[in-house]
Amino acid sequence: MTMNCPQCSTLMVWLNGSIMHEQQINYYECRNCKIKLNTLSDGTYEITQQENEQRLE
């Protein structure tokens, strides 16, 4: 299972990865954008955690 980040297109890290079992929900993290998202079995996804933009001082 691979997933590219919807924001920066970087390959995301599969958090609950197991090639032995088909998962209903897959959890991914982008180490570049610092977002986490879930993909559902129908191919849709939802962003579950997004890092706040850093403030410029």
Protein backbone atom coordinates (compact mmCIF):
# COMPACT_ATOMS: atom_id res chain seq x y z
CA MET A 1 0.00 0.00 0.00
CA THR A 2 1.40 3.36 -0.99
CA MET A 3 -0.09 6.80 -0.64
CA ASN A 4 1.28 10.12 -1.79
CA CYS A 5 0.66 13.22 0.30
CA PRO A 6 -2.21 15.30 -1.12
CA GLN A 7 -0.31 18.51 -0.24
CA CYS A 8 3.30 17.88 -1.35
CA SER A 9 3.12 14.55 -3.27
CA THR A 10 5.80 12.96 -1.06
CA LEU A 11 5.44 9.24 -0.38
CA MET A 12 3.72 8.89 3.00
CA VAL A 13 4.61 6.48 5.83
CA TRP A 14 2.09 3.64 6.27
CA LEU A 15 1.53 3.45 10.04
CA ASN A 16 -0.59 0.30 10.36
CA GLY A 17 1.08 -1.53 7.50
CA SER A 18 0.83 -5.26 7.19
CA ILE A 19 1.12 -6.97 3.83
CA MET A 20 -0.42 -10.08 5.35
CA HIS A 21 -3.84 -8.57 6.16
CA GLU A 22 -6.23 -6.33 4.25
CA GLN A 23 -7.14 -3.34 6.43
CA GLN A 24 -10.47 -1.48 6.27
CA ILE A 25 -8.80 1.78 7.30
CA ASN A 26 -5.15 2.58 6.59
CA TYR A 27 -3.31 5.25 8.56
CA TYR A 28 -0.60 7.37 6.92
CA GLU A 29 1.76 10.17 7.98
CA CYS A 30 3.67 12.66 5.85
CA ARG A 31 6.97 13.48 7.48
CA ASN A 32 7.41 16.44 5.14
CA CYS A 33 4.09 18.27 5.77
CA LYS A 34 3.51 16.77 9.26
CA ILE A 35 -0.03 15.66 8.44
CA LYS A 36 -1.78 12.38 9.24
CA LEU A 37 -4.65 10.92 7.26
CA ASN A 38 -6.83 7.84 7.05
CA THR A 39 -7.78 6.10 3.81
CA LEU A 40 -10.99 4.11 3.67
CA SER A 41 -11.61 0.91 1.70
CA ASP A 42 -13.50 2.85 -1.01
CA GLY A 43 -10.38 4.94 -1.80
CA THR A 44 -11.46 8.15 -0.07
CA TYR A 45 -9.34 9.79 2.61
CA GLU A 46 -9.66 12.26 5.46
CA ILE A 47 -6.95 14.36 7.09
CA THR A 48 -7.02 13.65 10.82
CA GLN A 49 -4.18 15.85 12.04
CA GLN A 50 -2.50 18.83 10.46
CA GLU A 51 0.36 20.83 11.97
CA ASN A 52 -0.41 24.50 12.46
CA GLU A 53 1.57 26.86 10.28
CA GLN A 54 4.50 28.38 12.11
CA ARG A 55 4.20 32.07 12.89
CA LEU A 56 6.72 34.46 11.41
CA GLU A 57 8.08 36.88 13.97
